[in-house]
């Protein structure tokens, strides 16, 4: 179980120390703006609440687009947990 691909399997570190701050920052804004924004849109019971959540989703998607304009991954060339959300 600890080594499903055998003892020769490469180790994947999705939270490398040198990217920890960037991953934490990315996780914070992707959760708040994108993940939670979509959730809030779906459960909004008033138009104003829906529109506020929709603005957050669009802001989050713009931020993703800006980050991905210069890199294939959200958290640098090596990637990590933040880019898998």
Protein backbone atom coordinates (compact mmCIF):
# COMPACT_ATOMS: atom_id res chain seq x y z
CA UNK A 1 0.00 0.00 0.00
CA UNK A 2 2.80 2.44 0.80
CA UNK A 3 4.48 1.78 -2.54
CA UNK A 4 1.74 0.87 -5.05
CA UNK A 5 4.01 1.10 -8.09
CA UNK A 6 6.86 -0.81 -6.51
CA UNK A 7 10.07 0.30 -4.87
CA UNK A 8 11.34 1.99 -8.05
CA UNK A 9 8.43 4.45 -8.22
CA UNK A 10 9.27 8.15 -8.34
CA UNK A 11 8.21 10.30 -5.43
CA UNK A 12 5.81 13.12 -6.23
CA UNK A 13 5.89 16.10 -3.90
CA UNK A 14 2.80 18.23 -4.44
CA UNK A 15 3.78 20.63 -1.65
CA UNK A 16 7.48 21.40 -2.15
CA UNK A 17 8.93 23.72 0.49
CA UNK A 18 10.08 26.30 -2.06
CA UNK A 19 6.52 26.65 -3.42
CA UNK A 20 4.64 26.41 -0.11
CA UNK A 21 3.86 30.14 0.14
CA UNK A 22 2.70 30.34 -3.49
CA UNK A 23 0.61 27.18 -3.10
CA UNK A 24 -1.02 28.50 0.08
CA UNK A 25 -1.81 31.83 -1.58
CA UNK A 26 -3.18 30.12 -4.70
CA UNK A 27 -5.29 27.75 -2.61
CA UNK A 28 -6.76 30.69 -0.69
CA UNK A 29 -7.91 32.71 -3.67
CA UNK A 30 -8.99 29.78 -5.85
CA UNK A 31 -11.10 28.44 -3.02
CA UNK A 32 -12.69 31.77 -2.13
CA UNK A 33 -13.23 33.15 -5.62
CA UNK A 34 -13.74 30.08 -7.79
CA UNK A 35 -14.72 27.03 -5.74
CA UNK A 36 -16.79 28.78 -3.09
CA UNK A 37 -18.04 31.37 -5.59
CA UNK A 38 -19.62 28.66 -7.74
CA UNK A 39 -21.10 27.05 -4.65
CA UNK A 40 -22.57 30.37 -3.51
CA UNK A 41 -24.04 30.97 -6.97
CA UNK A 42 -25.77 27.61 -6.87
CA UNK A 43 -27.31 28.16 -3.46
CA UNK A 44 -28.13 31.87 -3.71
CA UNK A 45 -31.73 32.60 -2.81
CA UNK A 46 -31.59 36.27 -3.70
CA UNK A 47 -30.47 37.94 -6.90
CA UNK A 48 -28.01 40.24 -5.10
CA UNK A 49 -26.28 37.27 -3.45
CA UNK A 50 -26.07 35.49 -6.80
CA UNK A 51 -24.58 38.55 -8.51
CA UNK A 52 -21.98 39.04 -5.76
CA UNK A 53 -20.91 35.40 -6.03
CA UNK A 54 -20.86 35.63 -9.83
CA UNK A 55 -18.53 38.64 -9.64
CA UNK A 56 -16.18 36.60 -7.43
CA UNK A 57 -16.20 33.69 -9.91
CA UNK A 58 -15.37 36.01 -12.79
CA UNK A 59 -12.61 37.69 -10.75
CA UNK A 60 -11.16 34.27 -9.91
CA UNK A 61 -11.28 33.13 -13.52
CA UNK A 62 -9.58 36.36 -14.63
CA UNK A 63 -6.87 35.76 -12.06
CA UNK A 64 -6.41 32.20 -13.34
CA UNK A 65 -6.23 33.47 -16.90
CA UNK A 66 -3.63 36.10 -15.97
CA UNK A 67 -1.51 33.53 -14.12
CA UNK A 68 -1.75 31.01 -16.95
CA UNK A 69 -0.83 33.61 -19.59
CA UNK A 70 2.78 33.37 -18.42
CA UNK A 71 2.92 29.76 -17.21
CA UNK A 72 1.23 26.45 -17.88
CA UNK A 73 0.73 25.99 -14.13
CA UNK A 74 -0.70 28.26 -11.43
CA UNK A 75 2.21 27.77 -9.01
CA UNK A 76 5.34 27.97 -11.12
CA UNK A 77 6.98 25.67 -13.62
CA UNK A 78 7.15 22.72 -11.23
CA UNK A 79 3.51 22.84 -10.21
CA UNK A 80 2.07 21.51 -7.01
CA UNK A 81 -1.12 21.14 -5.04
CA UNK A 82 -2.35 24.65 -5.86
CA UNK A 83 -2.55 23.91 -9.56
CA UNK A 84 -4.55 20.73 -9.09
CA UNK A 85 -7.55 22.40 -7.52
